[in-house]
């Protein structure tokens, strides 16, 4: 795995979720796969044991995922926001209006982004445009068809 020194921005809630995912992989998923490898080993000749080969492959995959999660945890920078900020920062929730429609976004790091839950990445076009804006500001997003967002409230 290539070492990347780029910080992974997470809110405290995002860090809690990532740690929970890591613990689940280490303590539950990996333990189950190790048990499966052990049972398959008991079936006899390992050279012709398809169950053993499949279990070993799954263990390698799980170990890779655990290593990736651990590397990510080592690069985390927790972003906290003061709820009484005058401008949009990572971790802030911003209420915007575009074409008469009110929307609410929470700006988070890319790992934590989930547009279906209103969490948009600070690296997305909308997230980048909203960072640093104040209540009453407008931003235009898009190259051909522009969407104009007006910042109504920052929470």
N, C-alpha and C. Protein backbone atom coordinates (compact mmCIF):
# COMPACT_ATOMS: atom_id res chain seq x y z
N UNK A 1 0.85 -1.18 0.00
CA UNK A 1 0.00 0.00 0.00
C UNK A 1 0.90 1.25 0.00
N UNK A 2 0.59 2.17 -0.86
CA UNK A 2 1.36 3.40 -0.99
C UNK A 2 1.05 4.33 0.17
N UNK A 3 2.09 4.86 0.79
CA UNK A 3 1.92 5.78 1.92
C UNK A 3 1.49 7.15 1.38
N UNK A 4 0.45 7.67 1.96
CA UNK A 4 -0.10 8.96 1.56
C UNK A 4 -0.14 9.84 2.80
N UNK A 5 0.47 11.00 2.73
CA UNK A 5 0.53 11.87 3.90
C UNK A 5 -0.63 12.86 3.95
N UNK A 6 -1.56 12.76 3.03
CA UNK A 6 -2.70 13.67 3.01
C UNK A 6 -3.60 13.39 4.21
N UNK A 7 -3.95 14.43 4.93
CA UNK A 7 -4.82 14.29 6.10
C UNK A 7 -6.23 13.93 5.65
N UNK A 8 -6.88 13.10 6.44
CA UNK A 8 -8.26 12.72 6.22
C UNK A 8 -9.09 13.52 7.21
N UNK A 9 -9.91 14.44 6.68
CA UNK A 9 -10.72 15.31 7.54
C UNK A 9 -12.01 14.60 7.94
N UNK A 10 -12.24 14.53 9.25
CA UNK A 10 -13.45 13.92 9.77
C UNK A 10 -14.00 14.75 10.92
N UNK A 11 -15.31 14.77 11.03
CA UNK A 11 -15.95 15.36 12.20
C UNK A 11 -15.79 14.35 13.34
N UNK A 12 -16.01 14.75 14.58
CA UNK A 12 -15.94 13.78 15.69
C UNK A 12 -16.87 12.58 15.47
N UNK A 13 -18.05 12.84 14.90
CA UNK A 13 -18.99 11.74 14.62
C UNK A 13 -18.42 10.80 13.56
N UNK A 14 -17.78 11.36 12.55
CA UNK A 14 -17.18 10.55 11.49
C UNK A 14 -16.04 9.69 12.02
N UNK A 15 -15.24 10.24 12.92
CA UNK A 15 -14.15 9.48 13.53
C UNK A 15 -14.71 8.33 14.36
N UNK A 16 -15.76 8.61 15.11
CA UNK A 16 -16.40 7.57 15.93
C UNK A 16 -16.89 6.42 15.04
N UNK A 17 -17.50 6.77 13.92
CA UNK A 17 -18.01 5.76 12.99
C UNK A 17 -16.88 4.96 12.36
N UNK A 18 -15.79 5.62 11.99
CA UNK A 18 -14.64 4.93 11.40
C UNK A 18 -14.00 3.98 12.40
N UNK A 19 -13.87 4.40 13.65
CA UNK A 19 -13.33 3.52 14.70
C UNK A 19 -14.24 2.31 14.92
N UNK A 20 -15.53 2.55 14.88
CA UNK A 20 -16.51 1.46 15.05
C UNK A 20 -16.36 0.45 13.91
N UNK A 21 -16.20 0.96 12.70
CA UNK A 21 -16.02 0.09 11.53
C UNK A 21 -14.73 -0.73 11.67
N UNK A 22 -13.66 -0.09 12.13
CA UNK A 22 -12.38 -0.78 12.32
C UNK A 22 -12.52 -1.89 13.37
N UNK A 23 -13.13 -1.56 14.51
CA UNK A 23 -13.32 -2.56 15.57
C UNK A 23 -14.18 -3.73 15.08
N UNK A 24 -15.20 -3.44 14.31
CA UNK A 24 -16.08 -4.48 13.75
C UNK A 24 -15.27 -5.41 12.84
N UNK A 25 -14.43 -4.83 12.00
CA UNK A 25 -13.62 -5.64 11.08
C UNK A 25 -12.63 -6.52 11.86
N UNK A 26 -11.96 -5.94 12.86
CA UNK A 26 -10.94 -6.67 13.60
C UNK A 26 -11.57 -7.73 14.52
N UNK A 27 -12.56 -7.34 15.28
CA UNK A 27 -13.09 -8.22 16.33
C UNK A 27 -14.19 -9.18 15.89
N UNK A 28 -14.92 -8.83 14.84
CA UNK A 28 -16.03 -9.69 14.43
C UNK A 28 -15.73 -10.37 13.08
N UNK A 29 -15.54 -9.56 12.06
CA UNK A 29 -15.37 -10.10 10.70
C UNK A 29 -14.13 -10.99 10.61
N UNK A 30 -12.98 -10.47 11.05
CA UNK A 30 -11.73 -11.23 10.93
C UNK A 30 -11.80 -12.50 11.77
N UNK A 31 -12.35 -12.40 12.97
CA UNK A 31 -12.46 -13.58 13.84
C UNK A 31 -13.28 -14.68 13.17
N UNK A 32 -14.37 -14.29 12.52
CA UNK A 32 -15.22 -15.26 11.83
C UNK A 32 -14.49 -15.92 10.67
N UNK A 33 -13.72 -15.14 9.93
CA UNK A 33 -12.99 -15.70 8.78
C UNK A 33 -11.86 -16.61 9.27
N UNK A 34 -11.18 -16.23 10.35
CA UNK A 34 -10.12 -17.09 10.91
C UNK A 34 -10.71 -18.43 11.34
N UNK A 35 -11.89 -18.38 11.93
CA UNK A 35 -12.57 -19.63 12.33
C UNK A 35 -12.90 -20.47 11.10
N UNK A 36 -13.32 -19.82 10.03
CA UNK A 36 -13.64 -20.52 8.78
C UNK A 36 -12.39 -21.18 8.20
N UNK A 37 -11.26 -20.49 8.24
CA UNK A 37 -9.98 -21.05 7.75
C UNK A 37 -9.63 -22.28 8.59
N UNK A 38 -9.79 -22.17 9.89
CA UNK A 38 -9.46 -23.27 10.79
C UNK A 38 -10.32 -24.51 10.52
N UNK A 39 -11.62 -24.28 10.34
CA UNK A 39 -12.53 -25.41 10.02
C UNK A 39 -12.16 -26.04 8.69
N UNK A 40 -11.87 -25.21 7.70
CA UNK A 40 -11.53 -25.73 6.37
C UNK A 40 -10.22 -26.51 6.41
N UNK A 41 -9.29 -26.09 7.25
CA UNK A 41 -8.01 -26.78 7.38
C UNK A 41 -8.24 -28.21 7.88
N UNK A 42 -9.26 -28.40 8.69
CA UNK A 42 -9.56 -29.72 9.24
C UNK A 42 -10.14 -30.68 8.20
N UNK A 43 -10.50 -30.17 7.02
CA UNK A 43 -11.07 -31.03 5.97
C UNK A 43 -10.03 -31.93 5.31
N UNK A 44 -8.76 -31.68 5.58
CA UNK A 44 -7.72 -32.57 5.04
C UNK A 44 -6.78 -31.87 4.09
N UNK A 45 -6.39 -32.56 3.05
CA UNK A 45 -5.37 -32.12 2.08
C UNK A 45 -5.64 -30.69 1.60
N UNK A 46 -4.73 -29.78 1.95
CA UNK A 46 -4.91 -28.36 1.63
C UNK A 46 -4.71 -28.07 0.15
N UNK A 47 -4.00 -28.92 -0.57
CA UNK A 47 -3.74 -28.65 -2.00
C UNK A 47 -5.01 -28.79 -2.83
N UNK A 48 -5.96 -29.61 -2.37
CA UNK A 48 -7.20 -29.80 -3.13
C UNK A 48 -8.43 -29.36 -2.33
N UNK A 49 -8.22 -28.44 -1.42
CA UNK A 49 -9.29 -28.00 -0.52
C UNK A 49 -9.78 -26.62 -0.96
N UNK A 50 -10.84 -26.61 -1.75
CA UNK A 50 -11.39 -25.36 -2.29
C UNK A 50 -11.92 -24.46 -1.16
N UNK A 51 -12.50 -25.05 -0.14
CA UNK A 51 -13.03 -24.28 0.99
C UNK A 51 -11.89 -23.54 1.70
N UNK A 52 -10.78 -24.22 1.89
CA UNK A 52 -9.62 -23.61 2.54
C UNK A 52 -9.07 -22.45 1.68
N UNK A 53 -8.96 -22.67 0.39
CA UNK A 53 -8.45 -21.63 -0.52
C UNK A 53 -9.35 -20.40 -0.50
N UNK A 54 -10.65 -20.64 -0.53
CA UNK A 54 -11.61 -19.52 -0.52
C UNK A 54 -11.53 -18.77 0.81
N UNK A 55 -11.41 -19.49 1.90
CA UNK A 55 -11.33 -18.86 3.22
C UNK A 55 -10.04 -18.05 3.35
N UNK A 56 -8.93 -18.57 2.84
CA UNK A 56 -7.65 -17.85 2.88
C UNK A 56 -7.73 -16.56 2.05
N UNK A 57 -8.38 -16.66 0.88
CA UNK A 57 -8.56 -15.47 0.04
C UNK A 57 -9.38 -14.42 0.77
N UNK A 58 -10.44 -14.85 1.43
CA UNK A 58 -11.29 -13.91 2.17
C UNK A 58 -10.50 -13.29 3.33
N UNK A 59 -9.68 -14.09 4.00
CA UNK A 59 -8.86 -13.57 5.10
C UNK A 59 -7.87 -12.52 4.59
N UNK A 60 -7.27 -12.78 3.44
CA UNK A 60 -6.36 -11.80 2.84
C UNK A 60 -7.10 -10.49 2.52
N UNK A 61 -8.31 -10.61 2.00
CA UNK A 61 -9.12 -9.44 1.67
C UNK A 61 -9.46 -8.65 2.94
N UNK A 62 -9.90 -9.34 3.98
CA UNK A 62 -10.26 -8.69 5.25
C UNK A 62 -9.03 -8.02 5.86
N UNK A 63 -7.88 -8.71 5.83
CA UNK A 63 -6.65 -8.13 6.37
C UNK A 63 -6.26 -6.87 5.60
N UNK A 64 -6.48 -6.86 4.29
CA UNK A 64 -6.21 -5.67 3.48
C UNK A 64 -7.12 -4.52 3.86
N UNK A 65 -8.39 -4.83 4.08
CA UNK A 65 -9.35 -3.79 4.48
C UNK A 65 -9.00 -3.23 5.86
N UNK A 66 -8.58 -4.10 6.77
CA UNK A 66 -8.18 -3.66 8.10
C UNK A 66 -6.96 -2.75 8.01
N UNK A 67 -5.99 -3.13 7.18
CA UNK A 67 -4.78 -2.31 7.00
C UNK A 67 -5.15 -0.93 6.43
N UNK A 68 -6.07 -0.90 5.48
CA UNK A 68 -6.51 0.38 4.89
C UNK A 68 -7.20 1.26 5.95
N UNK A 69 -8.07 0.65 6.75
CA UNK A 69 -8.75 1.41 7.81
C UNK A 69 -7.75 1.94 8.83
N UNK A 70 -6.77 1.11 9.20
CA UNK A 70 -5.76 1.54 10.17
C UNK A 70 -4.94 2.70 9.61
N UNK A 71 -4.56 2.61 8.33
CA UNK A 71 -3.79 3.69 7.70
C UNK A 71 -4.62 4.97 7.67
N UNK A 72 -5.90 4.85 7.37
CA UNK A 72 -6.79 6.01 7.35
C UNK A 72 -6.89 6.62 8.75
N UNK A 73 -7.05 5.79 9.76
CA UNK A 73 -7.14 6.29 11.14
C UNK A 73 -5.87 7.03 11.54
N UNK A 74 -4.74 6.60 11.03
CA UNK A 74 -3.47 7.26 11.33
C UNK A 74 -3.33 8.61 10.64
N UNK A 75 -4.19 8.89 9.66
CA UNK A 75 -4.11 10.14 8.92
C UNK A 75 -5.25 11.10 9.24
N UNK A 76 -6.07 10.74 10.21
CA UNK A 76 -7.26 11.54 10.54
C UNK A 76 -6.88 12.85 11.21
N UNK A 77 -7.54 13.88 10.75
CA UNK A 77 -7.50 15.17 11.43
C UNK A 77 -8.94 15.50 11.78
N UNK A 78 -9.23 15.56 13.06
CA UNK A 78 -10.60 15.81 13.51
C UNK A 78 -10.89 17.30 13.36
N UNK A 79 -12.00 17.58 12.71
CA UNK A 79 -12.42 18.96 12.48
C UNK A 79 -13.60 19.24 13.39
N UNK A 80 -13.40 20.20 14.26
CA UNK A 80 -14.51 20.61 15.12
C UNK A 80 -14.93 22.00 14.68
N UNK A 81 -16.19 22.27 14.84
CA UNK A 81 -16.69 23.58 14.44
C UNK A 81 -17.40 24.23 15.61
N UNK A 82 -17.23 25.50 15.69
CA UNK A 82 -17.95 26.28 16.69
C UNK A 82 -19.35 26.52 16.12
N UNK A 83 -20.36 26.10 16.82
CA UNK A 83 -21.72 26.24 16.30
C UNK A 83 -22.13 27.69 16.07
N UNK A 84 -21.42 28.63 16.64
CA UNK A 84 -21.76 30.04 16.50
C UNK A 84 -20.80 30.75 15.54
N UNK A 85 -20.46 30.10 14.44
CA UNK A 85 -19.54 30.69 13.49
C UNK A 85 -20.29 31.61 12.52
N UNK A 86 -19.59 32.61 12.04
CA UNK A 86 -20.19 33.56 11.11
C UNK A 86 -20.01 33.14 9.66
N UNK A 87 -19.20 32.11 9.43
CA UNK A 87 -18.96 31.68 8.06
C UNK A 87 -18.93 30.16 7.99
N UNK A 88 -19.10 29.63 6.77
CA UNK A 88 -19.19 28.19 6.56
C UNK A 88 -17.80 27.55 6.67
N UNK A 89 -17.70 26.54 7.53
CA UNK A 89 -16.48 25.77 7.71
C UNK A 89 -16.81 24.29 7.59
N UNK A 90 -15.80 23.46 7.56
CA UNK A 90 -16.03 22.01 7.57
C UNK A 90 -16.67 21.67 8.91
N UNK A 91 -17.73 20.91 8.86
CA UNK A 91 -18.48 20.55 10.06
C UNK A 91 -19.72 21.40 10.26
N UNK A 92 -19.79 22.52 9.54
CA UNK A 92 -20.96 23.40 9.68
C UNK A 92 -22.11 22.89 8.82
N UNK A 93 -23.31 23.18 9.29
CA UNK A 93 -24.51 22.90 8.51
C UNK A 93 -24.97 24.24 7.96
N UNK A 94 -25.24 24.26 6.67
CA UNK A 94 -25.62 25.51 6.01
C UNK A 94 -26.96 25.32 5.30
N UNK A 95 -27.84 26.29 5.49
CA UNK A 95 -29.14 26.29 4.81
C UNK A 95 -29.00 27.24 3.63
N UNK A 96 -29.33 26.73 2.44
CA UNK A 96 -29.20 27.52 1.22
C UNK A 96 -30.53 27.52 0.46
N UNK A 97 -30.64 28.51 -0.43
CA UNK A 97 -31.80 28.57 -1.31
C UNK A 97 -31.30 28.65 -2.74
N UNK A 98 -31.86 27.80 -3.60
CA UNK A 98 -31.53 27.81 -5.02
C UNK A 98 -32.83 27.65 -5.80
N UNK A 99 -33.10 28.60 -6.67
CA UNK A 99 -34.33 28.57 -7.48
C UNK A 99 -35.59 28.38 -6.64
N UNK A 100 -35.62 29.06 -5.50
CA UNK A 100 -36.80 29.00 -4.64
C UNK A 100 -36.89 27.75 -3.77
N UNK A 101 -35.92 26.87 -3.87
CA UNK A 101 -35.92 25.63 -3.09
C UNK A 101 -34.91 25.75 -1.96
N UNK A 102 -35.35 25.45 -0.75
CA UNK A 102 -34.47 25.49 0.43
C UNK A 102 -33.84 24.11 0.60
N UNK A 103 -32.54 24.11 0.82
CA UNK A 103 -31.79 22.88 1.04
C UNK A 103 -30.89 23.07 2.24
N UNK A 104 -30.50 21.97 2.85
CA UNK A 104 -29.60 22.03 4.00
C UNK A 104 -28.47 21.02 3.79
N UNK A 105 -27.23 21.48 3.92
CA UNK A 105 -26.06 20.63 3.75
C UNK A 105 -25.17 20.74 4.97
N UNK A 106 -24.53 19.64 5.31
CA UNK A 106 -23.45 19.68 6.29
C UNK A 106 -22.17 19.44 5.50
N UNK A 107 -21.20 20.31 5.66
CA UNK A 107 -19.94 20.20 4.95
C UNK A 107 -19.02 19.28 5.76
N UNK A 108 -18.58 18.19 5.14
CA UNK A 108 -17.72 17.21 5.81
C UNK A 108 -16.55 16.85 4.91
N UNK A 109 -15.58 16.12 5.44
CA UNK A 109 -14.48 15.61 4.63
C UNK A 109 -14.99 14.59 3.64
N UNK A 110 -14.23 14.31 2.59
CA UNK A 110 -14.69 13.44 1.51
C UNK A 110 -15.01 12.02 1.97
N UNK A 111 -14.31 11.51 2.95
CA UNK A 111 -14.55 10.15 3.44
C UNK A 111 -15.92 10.03 4.11
N UNK A 112 -16.38 11.10 4.69
CA UNK A 112 -17.62 11.10 5.45
C UNK A 112 -18.84 11.52 4.61
N UNK A 113 -18.60 11.98 3.39
CA UNK A 113 -19.68 12.50 2.55
C UNK A 113 -20.75 11.45 2.27
N UNK A 114 -21.99 11.88 2.32
CA UNK A 114 -23.14 11.05 1.99
C UNK A 114 -24.26 11.98 1.54
N UNK A 115 -24.29 12.31 0.24
CA UNK A 115 -25.28 13.27 -0.26
C UNK A 115 -26.73 12.90 0.07
N UNK A 116 -27.03 11.61 0.17
CA UNK A 116 -28.39 11.19 0.51
C UNK A 116 -28.78 11.60 1.92
N UNK A 117 -27.79 11.85 2.77
CA UNK A 117 -28.05 12.29 4.14
C UNK A 117 -27.73 13.77 4.32
N UNK A 118 -27.51 14.48 3.19
CA UNK A 118 -27.23 15.91 3.27
C UNK A 118 -25.81 16.24 3.67
N UNK A 119 -24.91 15.26 3.64
CA UNK A 119 -23.51 15.49 3.98
C UNK A 119 -22.72 15.57 2.68
N UNK A 120 -22.19 16.77 2.38
CA UNK A 120 -21.44 16.94 1.15
C UNK A 120 -19.97 17.21 1.45
N UNK A 121 -19.14 16.74 0.55
CA UNK A 121 -17.69 16.85 0.71
C UNK A 121 -17.20 18.28 0.55
N UNK A 122 -16.21 18.62 1.35
CA UNK A 122 -15.56 19.91 1.21
C UNK A 122 -14.82 20.01 -0.12
N UNK A 123 -14.61 18.87 -0.79
CA UNK A 123 -13.91 18.84 -2.07
C UNK A 123 -14.87 18.87 -3.26
N UNK A 124 -16.18 18.75 -3.01
CA UNK A 124 -17.17 18.80 -4.09
C UNK A 124 -17.31 20.25 -4.56
N UNK A 125 -17.88 20.42 -5.73
CA UNK A 125 -18.06 21.77 -6.27
C UNK A 125 -18.89 22.64 -5.33
N UNK A 126 -19.99 22.10 -4.82
CA UNK A 126 -20.86 22.86 -3.92
C UNK A 126 -20.14 23.12 -2.60
N UNK A 127 -19.49 22.09 -2.05
CA UNK A 127 -18.77 22.25 -0.80
C UNK A 127 -17.67 23.29 -0.88
N UNK A 128 -16.88 23.22 -1.95
CA UNK A 128 -15.79 24.20 -2.14
C UNK A 128 -16.35 25.62 -2.24
N UNK A 129 -17.45 25.76 -2.98
CA UNK A 129 -18.02 27.09 -3.19
C UNK A 129 -18.60 27.67 -1.89
N UNK A 130 -19.17 26.81 -1.05
CA UNK A 130 -19.80 27.30 0.18
C UNK A 130 -18.81 27.60 1.29
N UNK A 131 -17.66 26.94 1.30
CA UNK A 131 -16.67 27.17 2.36
C UNK A 131 -16.27 28.64 2.41
N UNK A 132 -16.33 29.21 3.59
CA UNK A 132 -15.93 30.60 3.78
C UNK A 132 -17.02 31.62 3.53
N UNK A 133 -18.19 31.18 3.03
CA UNK A 133 -19.26 32.14 2.79
C UNK A 133 -19.95 32.51 4.09
N UNK A 134 -20.66 33.63 4.05
CA UNK A 134 -21.40 34.13 5.22
C UNK A 134 -22.88 34.17 4.89
N UNK A 135 -23.69 34.32 5.92
CA UNK A 135 -25.13 34.46 5.73
C UNK A 135 -25.39 35.63 4.80
N UNK A 136 -26.22 35.39 3.76
CA UNK A 136 -26.55 36.42 2.79
C UNK A 136 -25.72 36.35 1.52
N UNK A 137 -24.56 35.66 1.57
CA UNK A 137 -23.72 35.52 0.39
C UNK A 137 -24.39 34.63 -0.66
N UNK A 138 -24.03 34.85 -1.91
CA UNK A 138 -24.48 33.97 -2.99
C UNK A 138 -23.26 33.40 -3.69
N UNK A 139 -23.39 32.16 -4.16
CA UNK A 139 -22.32 31.52 -4.92
C UNK A 139 -22.93 30.91 -6.17
N UNK A 140 -22.15 30.92 -7.24
CA UNK A 140 -22.58 30.31 -8.50
C UNK A 140 -21.75 29.06 -8.71
N UNK A 141 -22.45 27.98 -9.05
CA UNK A 141 -21.79 26.69 -9.25
C UNK A 141 -22.18 26.15 -10.61
N UNK A 142 -21.19 25.68 -11.35
CA UNK A 142 -21.43 25.11 -12.67
C UNK A 142 -20.78 25.95 -13.74
N UNK A 143 -20.35 25.30 -14.83
CA UNK A 143 -19.67 26.04 -15.88
C UNK A 143 -20.63 26.51 -16.97
N UNK A 144 -21.53 25.65 -17.41
CA UNK A 144 -22.48 26.07 -18.44
C UNK A 144 -23.81 26.50 -17.84
N UNK A 145 -24.43 25.57 -17.15
CA UNK A 145 -25.68 25.90 -16.47
C UNK A 145 -25.31 26.17 -15.02
N UNK A 146 -25.47 27.39 -14.61
CA UNK A 146 -25.06 27.78 -13.26
C UNK A 146 -26.24 27.68 -12.29
N UNK A 147 -25.94 27.16 -11.13
CA UNK A 147 -26.91 27.16 -10.04
C UNK A 147 -26.43 28.21 -9.04
N UNK A 148 -27.34 29.06 -8.64
CA UNK A 148 -26.98 30.12 -7.69
C UNK A 148 -27.56 29.73 -6.33
N UNK A 149 -26.66 29.61 -5.35
CA UNK A 149 -27.06 29.30 -3.99
C UNK A 149 -26.94 30.56 -3.14
N UNK A 150 -27.96 30.85 -2.37
CA UNK A 150 -27.91 31.95 -1.41
C UNK A 150 -27.87 31.34 -0.02
N UNK A 151 -26.86 31.76 0.76
CA UNK A 151 -26.71 31.24 2.12
C UNK A 151 -27.75 31.91 3.01
N UNK A 152 -28.66 31.10 3.55
CA UNK A 152 -29.75 31.61 4.39
C UNK A 152 -29.40 31.54 5.88
N UNK A 153 -28.66 30.48 6.27
CA UNK A 153 -28.37 30.28 7.69
C UNK A 153 -27.16 29.35 7.82
N UNK A 154 -26.39 29.57 8.86
CA UNK A 154 -25.26 28.69 9.18
C UNK A 154 -25.48 28.18 10.58
N UNK A 155 -25.50 26.87 10.70
CA UNK A 155 -25.76 26.24 12.01
C UNK A 155 -24.49 25.62 12.55
